[in-house]
Amino acid sequence: MTLFNNPDAGMNFGDQWIQSRTLFLRQSITFEVANELIAQLLYLDGEDPDAAIQLRIQTEAGTVAAGLSIYDTIRSLRAPVHTVCMGAADGIGSLLLAIGVKGNRAAHPHARIRLAQPEARSVGGTVHEIEAAAREVFRQRHRLYELYADATGQSIERIAEESARQSFLSATDAQAYGLIDRIS
């Protein structure tokens, strides 16, 4: 998630965006990407906890666990976080979009947004190991449904139905669903 440097201009492009309190999530969410974004969020929160941070999201699906580490960090910040989907907020990226400050969650008109599903990793081994892995996927899925319900006002049942479809929502549909507040 390294921001661009522009050596010809004599300045670090990334520093310019940090100074404007705008962060970009432009890759699939891995632990490496999450760690870098978390460091930037914490830095900005420490610099001025009263000034809003704008998180611009353009991400394909990633690791739910890595995304939840970003989720927990955003929830712990004093600074308000405004979110904007610039193209796609797939998987856990859609939950990060939805937890922006109410009234300040937006998507561009042609954005596409899809709810997260926990990843079911290949599990081998004993029957007990397979059962434990399955229980963890079901636990994580239910927790995601609860988090989406909290962010959108939708019922867990409706979220489960929408999530099972694995289809993308348009910006208009995402607004009606409660994932965003406006189309920008």
N, C-alpha and C. Protein backbone atom coordinates (compact mmCIF):
# COMPACT_ATOMS: atom_id res chain seq x y z
N MET A 1 0.82 -1.19 0.00
CA MET A 1 0.00 0.00 0.00
C MET A 1 0.86 1.25 0.00
N THR A 2 2.05 1.16 -0.50
CA THR A 2 2.95 2.28 -0.55
C THR A 2 2.38 3.37 -1.44
N LEU A 3 2.40 4.58 -0.94
CA LEU A 3 1.91 5.70 -1.73
C LEU A 3 2.98 6.11 -2.72
N PHE A 4 2.56 6.77 -3.80
CA PHE A 4 3.49 7.14 -4.86
C PHE A 4 4.43 8.24 -4.42
N ASN A 5 5.67 8.15 -4.84
CA ASN A 5 6.63 9.22 -4.66
C ASN A 5 6.81 9.89 -6.01
N ASN A 6 6.97 11.18 -6.03
CA ASN A 6 7.21 11.91 -7.26
C ASN A 6 8.54 12.64 -7.13
N PRO A 7 9.65 11.96 -7.46
CA PRO A 7 10.96 12.58 -7.27
C PRO A 7 11.15 13.82 -8.14
N ASP A 8 10.50 13.89 -9.31
CA ASP A 8 10.65 15.05 -10.18
C ASP A 8 10.05 16.30 -9.57
N ALA A 9 9.00 16.13 -8.78
CA ALA A 9 8.35 17.28 -8.17
C ALA A 9 9.04 17.70 -6.88
N GLY A 10 9.98 16.89 -6.42
CA GLY A 10 10.71 17.25 -5.22
C GLY A 10 9.91 17.06 -3.95
N MET A 11 8.84 16.28 -4.01
CA MET A 11 8.06 16.04 -2.79
C MET A 11 7.54 14.62 -2.80
N ASN A 12 7.21 14.16 -1.65
CA ASN A 12 6.64 12.83 -1.51
C ASN A 12 5.13 12.96 -1.64
N PHE A 13 4.59 12.35 -2.70
CA PHE A 13 3.15 12.42 -2.96
C PHE A 13 2.37 11.88 -1.77
N GLY A 14 2.88 10.82 -1.14
CA GLY A 14 2.22 10.23 0.02
C GLY A 14 2.10 11.22 1.17
N ASP A 15 3.16 11.99 1.41
CA ASP A 15 3.13 12.98 2.48
C ASP A 15 2.05 14.03 2.23
N GLN A 16 1.87 14.41 0.96
CA GLN A 16 0.85 15.39 0.62
C GLN A 16 -0.53 14.87 1.02
N TRP A 17 -0.81 13.60 0.75
CA TRP A 17 -2.11 13.04 1.09
C TRP A 17 -2.25 12.88 2.60
N ILE A 18 -1.19 12.48 3.27
CA ILE A 18 -1.24 12.35 4.73
C ILE A 18 -1.54 13.72 5.34
N GLN A 19 -0.89 14.77 4.84
CA GLN A 19 -1.13 16.11 5.36
C GLN A 19 -2.57 16.55 5.15
N SER A 20 -3.20 16.08 4.07
CA SER A 20 -4.60 16.43 3.84
C SER A 20 -5.55 15.48 4.57
N ARG A 21 -4.98 14.52 5.33
CA ARG A 21 -5.72 13.56 6.13
C ARG A 21 -6.59 12.63 5.27
N THR A 22 -6.06 12.33 4.07
CA THR A 22 -6.73 11.42 3.15
C THR A 22 -5.87 10.17 2.99
N LEU A 23 -6.48 9.02 3.28
CA LEU A 23 -5.79 7.74 3.14
C LEU A 23 -6.48 6.92 2.06
N PHE A 24 -5.70 6.07 1.41
CA PHE A 24 -6.22 5.23 0.33
C PHE A 24 -6.06 3.77 0.68
N LEU A 25 -7.11 3.01 0.49
CA LEU A 25 -7.07 1.55 0.59
C LEU A 25 -7.29 1.06 -0.83
N ARG A 26 -6.18 0.72 -1.53
CA ARG A 26 -6.24 0.46 -2.96
C ARG A 26 -5.84 -0.96 -3.34
N GLN A 27 -5.75 -1.84 -2.39
CA GLN A 27 -5.33 -3.21 -2.67
C GLN A 27 -6.22 -4.17 -1.91
N SER A 28 -6.11 -5.44 -2.26
CA SER A 28 -6.76 -6.46 -1.44
C SER A 28 -6.23 -6.33 -0.03
N ILE A 29 -7.06 -6.58 0.93
CA ILE A 29 -6.67 -6.37 2.32
C ILE A 29 -5.94 -7.60 2.84
N THR A 30 -4.64 -7.44 2.98
CA THR A 30 -3.77 -8.45 3.57
C THR A 30 -3.32 -7.91 4.93
N PHE A 31 -2.62 -8.72 5.70
CA PHE A 31 -2.12 -8.23 6.98
C PHE A 31 -1.09 -7.13 6.77
N GLU A 32 -0.29 -7.22 5.71
CA GLU A 32 0.70 -6.18 5.42
C GLU A 32 0.02 -4.85 5.11
N VAL A 33 -1.00 -4.89 4.26
CA VAL A 33 -1.77 -3.69 3.92
C VAL A 33 -2.46 -3.14 5.17
N ALA A 34 -3.06 -4.02 5.95
CA ALA A 34 -3.74 -3.59 7.17
C ALA A 34 -2.77 -2.92 8.13
N ASN A 35 -1.61 -3.49 8.32
CA ASN A 35 -0.63 -2.91 9.24
C ASN A 35 -0.21 -1.51 8.82
N GLU A 36 -0.01 -1.30 7.52
CA GLU A 36 0.39 0.02 7.05
C GLU A 36 -0.75 1.03 7.22
N LEU A 37 -1.97 0.63 6.87
CA LEU A 37 -3.11 1.54 7.02
C LEU A 37 -3.36 1.86 8.50
N ILE A 38 -3.25 0.87 9.36
CA ILE A 38 -3.44 1.08 10.79
C ILE A 38 -2.41 2.09 11.31
N ALA A 39 -1.16 1.96 10.88
CA ALA A 39 -0.12 2.91 11.32
C ALA A 39 -0.48 4.33 10.88
N GLN A 40 -0.97 4.48 9.66
CA GLN A 40 -1.35 5.80 9.16
C GLN A 40 -2.55 6.36 9.93
N LEU A 41 -3.54 5.52 10.19
CA LEU A 41 -4.71 5.96 10.96
C LEU A 41 -4.30 6.42 12.37
N LEU A 42 -3.47 5.62 13.03
CA LEU A 42 -3.03 5.98 14.38
C LEU A 42 -2.20 7.25 14.38
N TYR A 43 -1.36 7.43 13.37
CA TYR A 43 -0.56 8.65 13.26
C TYR A 43 -1.48 9.87 13.16
N LEU A 44 -2.45 9.82 12.24
CA LEU A 44 -3.35 10.96 12.05
C LEU A 44 -4.21 11.22 13.29
N ASP A 45 -4.64 10.16 13.95
CA ASP A 45 -5.43 10.31 15.17
C ASP A 45 -4.60 11.00 16.25
N GLY A 46 -3.33 10.64 16.35
CA GLY A 46 -2.44 11.26 17.33
C GLY A 46 -2.12 12.70 17.01
N GLU A 47 -2.04 13.03 15.72
CA GLU A 47 -1.73 14.39 15.30
C GLU A 47 -2.86 15.37 15.63
N ASP A 48 -4.10 14.96 15.36
CA ASP A 48 -5.25 15.82 15.63
C ASP A 48 -6.49 14.95 15.76
N PRO A 49 -6.86 14.56 16.96
CA PRO A 49 -8.00 13.66 17.15
C PRO A 49 -9.36 14.29 16.84
N ASP A 50 -9.39 15.60 16.62
CA ASP A 50 -10.66 16.26 16.33
C ASP A 50 -10.90 16.44 14.83
N ALA A 51 -9.86 16.29 14.03
CA ALA A 51 -9.99 16.49 12.58
C ALA A 51 -10.33 15.17 11.89
N ALA A 52 -11.24 15.24 10.94
CA ALA A 52 -11.69 14.05 10.23
C ALA A 52 -10.59 13.46 9.36
N ILE A 53 -10.63 12.15 9.24
CA ILE A 53 -9.77 11.40 8.33
C ILE A 53 -10.66 10.89 7.22
N GLN A 54 -10.23 11.07 5.97
CA GLN A 54 -11.00 10.54 4.85
C GLN A 54 -10.31 9.27 4.36
N LEU A 55 -11.08 8.17 4.35
CA LEU A 55 -10.58 6.88 3.87
C LEU A 55 -11.23 6.60 2.54
N ARG A 56 -10.41 6.59 1.49
CA ARG A 56 -10.91 6.32 0.13
C ARG A 56 -10.64 4.85 -0.19
N ILE A 57 -11.70 4.13 -0.54
CA ILE A 57 -11.62 2.68 -0.70
C ILE A 57 -11.81 2.29 -2.16
N GLN A 58 -10.87 1.50 -2.64
CA GLN A 58 -10.93 0.88 -3.98
C GLN A 58 -10.23 -0.46 -3.79
N THR A 59 -10.97 -1.46 -3.31
CA THR A 59 -10.33 -2.71 -2.96
C THR A 59 -11.15 -3.92 -3.37
N GLU A 60 -10.44 -4.92 -3.80
CA GLU A 60 -11.06 -6.22 -4.05
C GLU A 60 -11.06 -6.97 -2.72
N ALA A 61 -11.74 -8.09 -2.68
CA ALA A 61 -11.85 -8.85 -1.43
C ALA A 61 -10.46 -9.17 -0.87
N GLY A 62 -10.40 -9.29 0.41
CA GLY A 62 -9.16 -9.62 1.09
C GLY A 62 -9.44 -10.52 2.27
N THR A 63 -8.51 -10.59 3.16
CA THR A 63 -8.61 -11.44 4.34
C THR A 63 -9.51 -10.78 5.38
N VAL A 64 -10.53 -11.48 5.80
CA VAL A 64 -11.47 -10.95 6.79
C VAL A 64 -10.74 -10.58 8.08
N ALA A 65 -9.87 -11.44 8.55
CA ALA A 65 -9.16 -11.17 9.81
C ALA A 65 -8.33 -9.88 9.72
N ALA A 66 -7.66 -9.66 8.59
CA ALA A 66 -6.88 -8.43 8.41
C ALA A 66 -7.82 -7.22 8.38
N GLY A 67 -8.94 -7.37 7.69
CA GLY A 67 -9.90 -6.27 7.64
C GLY A 67 -10.49 -5.94 9.00
N LEU A 68 -10.72 -6.97 9.80
CA LEU A 68 -11.26 -6.72 11.14
C LEU A 68 -10.25 -6.00 12.03
N SER A 69 -8.96 -6.16 11.77
CA SER A 69 -7.97 -5.40 12.54
C SER A 69 -8.07 -3.91 12.18
N ILE A 70 -8.35 -3.60 10.93
CA ILE A 70 -8.59 -2.20 10.53
C ILE A 70 -9.89 -1.71 11.16
N TYR A 71 -10.92 -2.54 11.10
CA TYR A 71 -12.22 -2.21 11.70
C TYR A 71 -12.04 -1.81 13.17
N ASP A 72 -11.36 -2.67 13.94
CA ASP A 72 -11.16 -2.39 15.37
C ASP A 72 -10.39 -1.10 15.58
N THR A 73 -9.41 -0.84 14.74
CA THR A 73 -8.63 0.40 14.86
C THR A 73 -9.51 1.61 14.60
N ILE A 74 -10.28 1.58 13.52
CA ILE A 74 -11.16 2.71 13.21
C ILE A 74 -12.12 2.97 14.36
N ARG A 75 -12.67 1.91 14.92
CA ARG A 75 -13.61 2.05 16.04
C ARG A 75 -12.94 2.63 17.28
N SER A 76 -11.63 2.46 17.42
CA SER A 76 -10.93 2.95 18.61
C SER A 76 -10.44 4.39 18.47
N LEU A 77 -10.47 4.94 17.27
CA LEU A 77 -9.95 6.28 17.04
C LEU A 77 -10.84 7.35 17.66
N ARG A 78 -10.23 8.43 18.04
CA ARG A 78 -10.99 9.61 18.47
C ARG A 78 -11.40 10.43 17.26
N ALA A 79 -10.55 10.46 16.23
CA ALA A 79 -10.84 11.22 15.01
C ALA A 79 -11.97 10.55 14.23
N PRO A 80 -12.90 11.33 13.72
CA PRO A 80 -13.95 10.74 12.88
C PRO A 80 -13.37 10.29 11.54
N VAL A 81 -13.87 9.17 11.03
CA VAL A 81 -13.41 8.64 9.75
C VAL A 81 -14.57 8.71 8.76
N HIS A 82 -14.34 9.44 7.67
CA HIS A 82 -15.31 9.55 6.58
C HIS A 82 -14.86 8.58 5.49
N THR A 83 -15.77 7.83 4.92
CA THR A 83 -15.41 6.82 3.94
C THR A 83 -16.02 7.11 2.57
N VAL A 84 -15.26 6.76 1.53
CA VAL A 84 -15.71 6.94 0.15
C VAL A 84 -15.29 5.72 -0.65
N CYS A 85 -16.24 5.09 -1.34
CA CYS A 85 -15.91 4.01 -2.27
C CYS A 85 -15.68 4.63 -3.63
N MET A 86 -14.47 4.45 -4.16
CA MET A 86 -14.11 5.05 -5.43
C MET A 86 -14.35 4.13 -6.62
N GLY A 87 -14.57 2.87 -6.41
CA GLY A 87 -14.77 1.93 -7.50
C GLY A 87 -15.38 0.64 -7.02
N ALA A 88 -14.66 -0.03 -6.13
CA ALA A 88 -15.17 -1.28 -5.57
C ALA A 88 -14.82 -1.35 -4.09
N ALA A 89 -15.77 -1.81 -3.33
CA ALA A 89 -15.55 -2.15 -1.93
C ALA A 89 -16.06 -3.58 -1.81
N ASP A 90 -15.17 -4.50 -2.09
CA ASP A 90 -15.53 -5.91 -2.14
C ASP A 90 -15.17 -6.57 -0.83
N GLY A 91 -16.01 -7.47 -0.39
CA GLY A 91 -15.72 -8.24 0.82
C GLY A 91 -15.60 -7.33 2.03
N ILE A 92 -14.55 -7.57 2.80
CA ILE A 92 -14.37 -6.83 4.06
C ILE A 92 -14.23 -5.33 3.83
N GLY A 93 -13.83 -4.91 2.63
CA GLY A 93 -13.77 -3.49 2.30
C GLY A 93 -15.13 -2.82 2.42
N SER A 94 -16.22 -3.57 2.15
CA SER A 94 -17.56 -2.99 2.27
C SER A 94 -17.92 -2.71 3.72
N LEU A 95 -17.43 -3.53 4.65
CA LEU A 95 -17.70 -3.27 6.06
C LEU A 95 -16.94 -2.02 6.50
N LEU A 96 -15.71 -1.86 6.02
CA LEU A 96 -14.94 -0.65 6.36
C LEU A 96 -15.63 0.59 5.80
N LEU A 97 -16.20 0.48 4.61
CA LEU A 97 -16.97 1.58 4.03
C LEU A 97 -18.16 1.92 4.93
N ALA A 98 -18.86 0.90 5.40
CA ALA A 98 -20.09 1.09 6.16
C ALA A 98 -19.88 1.65 7.56
N ILE A 99 -18.66 1.55 8.11
CA ILE A 99 -18.46 2.04 9.48
C ILE A 99 -17.94 3.46 9.56
N GLY A 100 -17.90 4.13 8.42
CA GLY A 100 -17.57 5.54 8.47
C GLY A 100 -18.62 6.28 9.28
N VAL A 101 -18.33 7.51 9.62
CA VAL A 101 -19.26 8.33 10.38
C VAL A 101 -20.57 8.47 9.59
N LYS A 102 -21.69 8.17 10.24
CA LYS A 102 -23.00 8.28 9.59
C LYS A 102 -23.15 9.70 9.03
N GLY A 103 -23.64 9.75 7.81
CA GLY A 103 -23.77 11.02 7.09
C GLY A 103 -22.55 11.31 6.23
N ASN A 104 -21.47 10.59 6.48
CA ASN A 104 -20.21 10.81 5.75
C ASN A 104 -19.68 9.52 5.14
N ARG A 105 -20.59 8.64 4.72
CA ARG A 105 -20.24 7.41 4.02
C ARG A 105 -20.77 7.57 2.60
N ALA A 106 -19.86 7.56 1.62
CA ALA A 106 -20.27 7.86 0.26
C ALA A 106 -19.69 6.84 -0.72
N ALA A 107 -20.25 6.86 -1.92
CA ALA A 107 -19.72 6.05 -3.02
C ALA A 107 -19.88 6.85 -4.30
N HIS A 108 -18.96 6.65 -5.21
CA HIS A 108 -19.09 7.26 -6.53
C HIS A 108 -20.22 6.56 -7.27
N PRO A 109 -20.81 7.22 -8.26
CA PRO A 109 -22.00 6.69 -8.93
C PRO A 109 -21.84 5.29 -9.53
N HIS A 110 -20.67 4.93 -10.00
CA HIS A 110 -20.48 3.64 -10.64
C HIS A 110 -19.78 2.63 -9.73
N ALA A 111 -19.76 2.90 -8.47
CA ALA A 111 -19.12 1.99 -7.51
C ALA A 111 -19.91 0.69 -7.43
N ARG A 112 -19.21 -0.35 -7.01
CA ARG A 112 -19.86 -1.64 -6.77
C ARG A 112 -19.40 -2.13 -5.40
N ILE A 113 -20.35 -2.67 -4.67
CA ILE A 113 -20.11 -3.00 -3.26
C ILE A 113 -20.68 -4.39 -3.00
N ARG A 114 -19.86 -5.23 -2.36
CA ARG A 114 -20.32 -6.60 -2.05
C ARG A 114 -19.96 -6.94 -0.62
N LEU A 115 -20.91 -7.56 0.07
CA LEU A 115 -20.72 -7.95 1.47
C LEU A 115 -19.66 -9.04 1.61
N ALA A 116 -19.03 -9.07 2.76
CA ALA A 116 -17.96 -10.03 3.04
C ALA A 116 -18.50 -11.40 3.42
N GLN A 117 -17.74 -12.39 3.09
CA GLN A 117 -17.95 -13.77 3.54
C GLN A 117 -16.62 -14.25 4.12
N PRO A 118 -16.64 -14.95 5.24
CA PRO A 118 -15.37 -15.46 5.76
C PRO A 118 -14.80 -16.50 4.80
N GLU A 119 -13.49 -16.56 4.77
CA GLU A 119 -12.85 -17.51 3.87
C GLU A 119 -12.82 -18.89 4.51
N ALA A 120 -13.13 -19.88 3.71
CA ALA A 120 -13.08 -21.27 4.17
C ALA A 120 -11.79 -21.86 3.63
N ARG A 121 -10.79 -21.91 4.47
CA ARG A 121 -9.48 -22.43 4.05
C ARG A 121 -9.54 -23.94 3.93
N SER A 122 -8.68 -24.46 3.08
CA SER A 122 -8.56 -25.92 2.97
C SER A 122 -8.05 -26.46 4.29
N VAL A 123 -8.78 -27.39 4.80
CA VAL A 123 -8.40 -27.97 6.09
C VAL A 123 -8.28 -29.46 5.90
N GLY A 124 -7.17 -29.97 6.32
CA GLY A 124 -7.00 -31.41 6.34
C GLY A 124 -6.79 -31.83 7.77
N GLY A 125 -6.59 -33.07 7.97
CA GLY A 125 -6.31 -33.53 9.32
C GLY A 125 -7.44 -34.36 9.88
N THR A 126 -7.51 -34.32 11.17
CA THR A 126 -8.49 -35.15 11.87
C THR A 126 -9.89 -34.57 11.73
N VAL A 127 -10.86 -35.38 12.03
CA VAL A 127 -12.25 -34.94 12.02
C VAL A 127 -12.43 -33.78 12.99
N HIS A 128 -11.77 -33.82 14.13
CA HIS A 128 -11.88 -32.76 15.12
C HIS A 128 -11.31 -31.45 14.58
N GLU A 129 -10.21 -31.51 13.84
CA GLU A 129 -9.63 -30.30 13.26
C GLU A 129 -10.56 -29.71 12.20
N ILE A 130 -11.17 -30.56 11.41
CA ILE A 130 -12.10 -30.09 10.39
C ILE A 130 -13.33 -29.48 11.04
N GLU A 131 -13.86 -30.11 12.08
CA GLU A 131 -15.01 -29.56 12.80
C GLU A 131 -14.67 -28.22 13.44
N ALA A 132 -13.48 -28.11 14.03
CA ALA A 132 -13.06 -26.86 14.66
C ALA A 132 -12.95 -25.74 13.63
N ALA A 133 -12.40 -26.05 12.46
CA ALA A 133 -12.27 -25.06 11.40
C ALA A 133 -13.65 -24.62 10.92
N ALA A 134 -14.58 -25.57 10.77
CA ALA A 134 -15.94 -25.23 10.34
C ALA A 134 -16.63 -24.35 11.37
N ARG A 135 -16.48 -24.68 12.65
CA ARG A 135 -17.09 -23.86 13.71
C ARG A 135 -16.55 -22.42 13.65
N GLU A 136 -15.25 -22.28 13.39
CA GLU A 136 -14.65 -20.95 13.32
C GLU A 136 -15.22 -20.16 12.15
N VAL A 137 -15.40 -20.78 11.00
CA VAL A 137 -15.99 -20.09 9.84
C VAL A 137 -17.41 -19.65 10.17
N PHE A 138 -18.21 -20.51 10.78
CA PHE A 138 -19.59 -20.14 11.14
C PHE A 138 -19.61 -19.03 12.19
N ARG A 139 -18.70 -19.08 13.15
CA ARG A 139 -18.62 -18.02 14.17
C ARG A 139 -18.25 -16.69 13.52
N GLN A 140 -17.26 -16.72 12.64
CA GLN A 140 -16.82 -15.50 11.98
C GLN A 140 -17.93 -14.94 11.08
N ARG A 141 -18.64 -15.81 10.38
CA ARG A 141 -19.73 -15.37 9.51
C ARG A 141 -20.81 -14.68 10.34
N HIS A 142 -21.21 -15.28 11.46
CA HIS A 142 -22.23 -14.67 12.31
C HIS A 142 -21.76 -13.32 12.85
N ARG A 143 -20.50 -13.23 13.23
CA ARG A 143 -19.96 -11.96 13.74
C ARG A 143 -19.99 -10.89 12.65
N LEU A 144 -19.65 -11.26 11.42
CA LEU A 144 -19.74 -10.30 10.31
C LEU A 144 -21.18 -9.81 10.14
N TYR A 145 -22.13 -10.73 10.20
CA TYR A 145 -23.54 -10.34 10.08
C TYR A 145 -23.91 -9.33 11.17
N GLU A 146 -23.45 -9.56 12.38
CA GLU A 146 -23.74 -8.63 13.48
C GLU A 146 -23.14 -7.26 13.22
N LEU A 147 -21.90 -7.23 12.72
CA LEU A 147 -21.24 -5.95 12.45
C LEU A 147 -21.95 -5.19 11.33
N TYR A 148 -22.34 -5.91 10.27
CA TYR A 148 -23.10 -5.27 9.20
C TYR A 148 -24.45 -4.76 9.72
N ALA A 149 -25.11 -5.54 10.55
CA ALA A 149 -26.41 -5.13 11.10
C ALA A 149 -26.25 -3.84 11.89
N ASP A 150 -25.20 -3.75 12.69
CA ASP A 150 -24.94 -2.55 13.48
C ASP A 150 -24.68 -1.34 12.58
N ALA A 151 -23.94 -1.54 11.49
CA ALA A 151 -23.57 -0.43 10.60
C ALA A 151 -24.70 0.01 9.68
N THR A 152 -25.60 -0.92 9.33
CA THR A 152 -26.63 -0.61 8.32
C THR A 152 -28.04 -0.48 8.85
N GLY A 153 -28.30 -1.07 10.02
CA GLY A 153 -29.66 -1.10 10.53
C GLY A 153 -30.49 -2.24 9.94
N GLN A 154 -29.89 -3.07 9.12
CA GLN A 154 -30.59 -4.22 8.54
C GLN A 154 -30.63 -5.37 9.56
N SER A 155 -31.56 -6.28 9.36
CA SER A 155 -31.63 -7.46 10.22
C SER A 155 -30.54 -8.45 9.83
N ILE A 156 -30.14 -9.25 10.78
CA ILE A 156 -29.14 -10.29 10.50
C ILE A 156 -29.65 -11.24 9.44
N GLU A 157 -30.93 -11.53 9.44
CA GLU A 157 -31.51 -12.43 8.45
C GLU A 157 -31.37 -11.86 7.04
N ARG A 158 -31.66 -10.57 6.89
CA ARG A 158 -31.54 -9.94 5.56
C ARG A 158 -30.08 -9.90 5.12
N ILE A 159 -29.19 -9.62 6.04
CA ILE A 159 -27.77 -9.59 5.71
C ILE A 159 -27.30 -10.97 5.28
N ALA A 160 -27.76 -12.00 5.98
CA ALA A 160 -27.39 -13.37 5.61
C ALA A 160 -27.86 -13.69 4.19
N GLU A 161 -29.08 -13.28 3.85
CA GLU A 161 -29.61 -13.53 2.50
C GLU A 161 -28.79 -12.79 1.45
N GLU A 162 -28.52 -11.52 1.69
CA GLU A 162 -27.77 -10.71 0.73
C GLU A 162 -26.34 -11.23 0.58
N SER A 163 -25.75 -11.59 1.68
CA SER A 163 -24.38 -12.09 1.66
C SER A 163 -24.28 -13.41 0.91
N ALA A 164 -25.26 -14.27 1.06
CA ALA A 164 -25.25 -15.57 0.39
C ALA A 164 -25.34 -15.42 -1.12
N ARG A 165 -25.98 -14.36 -1.59
CA ARG A 165 -26.10 -14.14 -3.04
C ARG A 165 -24.77 -13.81 -3.68
N GLN A 166 -23.87 -13.23 -2.92
CA GLN A 166 -22.55 -12.85 -3.42
C GLN A 166 -22.61 -11.95 -4.65
N SER A 167 -23.64 -11.12 -4.73
CA SER A 167 -23.74 -10.21 -5.86
C SER A 167 -23.34 -8.80 -5.42
N PHE A 168 -22.88 -8.03 -6.38
CA PHE A 168 -22.50 -6.66 -6.09
C PHE A 168 -23.73 -5.77 -6.05
N LEU A 169 -23.69 -4.78 -5.17
CA LEU A 169 -24.72 -3.76 -5.09
C LEU A 169 -24.22 -2.53 -5.84
N SER A 170 -25.11 -1.84 -6.52
CA SER A 170 -24.76 -0.56 -7.11
C SER A 170 -24.69 0.48 -5.99
N ALA A 171 -24.20 1.65 -6.31
CA ALA A 171 -24.17 2.72 -5.30
C ALA A 171 -25.58 3.04 -4.82
N THR A 172 -26.53 3.07 -5.72
CA THR A 172 -27.93 3.34 -5.36
C THR A 172 -28.46 2.27 -4.42
N ASP A 173 -28.20 0.99 -4.76
CA ASP A 173 -28.65 -0.11 -3.91
C ASP A 173 -27.96 -0.08 -2.55
N ALA A 174 -26.68 0.24 -2.53
CA ALA A 174 -25.93 0.32 -1.28
C ALA A 174 -26.47 1.42 -0.38
N GLN A 175 -26.90 2.52 -1.00
CA GLN A 175 -27.48 3.61 -0.23
C GLN A 175 -28.82 3.17 0.38
N ALA A 176 -29.64 2.54 -0.41
CA ALA A 176 -30.93 2.05 0.09
C ALA A 176 -30.74 1.00 1.19
N TYR A 177 -29.70 0.23 1.09
CA TYR A 177 -29.40 -0.83 2.05
C TYR A 177 -28.83 -0.29 3.37
N GLY A 178 -28.28 0.92 3.33
CA GLY A 178 -27.71 1.53 4.53
C GLY A 178 -26.20 1.38 4.65
N LEU A 179 -25.54 0.90 3.60
CA LEU A 179 -24.07 0.78 3.63
C LEU A 179 -23.41 2.15 3.45
N ILE A 180 -24.06 3.03 2.70
CA ILE A 180 -23.57 4.39 2.50
C ILE A 180 -24.73 5.36 2.71
N ASP A 181 -24.38 6.64 2.82
CA ASP A 181 -25.40 7.67 3.04
C ASP A 181 -25.70 8.49 1.79
N ARG A 182 -24.70 8.57 0.91
CA ARG A 182 -24.90 9.41 -0.27
C ARG A 182 -24.02 8.94 -1.43
N ILE A 183 -24.40 9.36 -2.61
CA ILE A 183 -23.63 9.11 -3.82
C ILE A 183 -22.97 10.42 -4.21
N SER A 184 -21.65 10.37 -4.38
CA SER A 184 -20.93 11.63 -4.65
C SER A 184 -20.31 11.63 -6.02
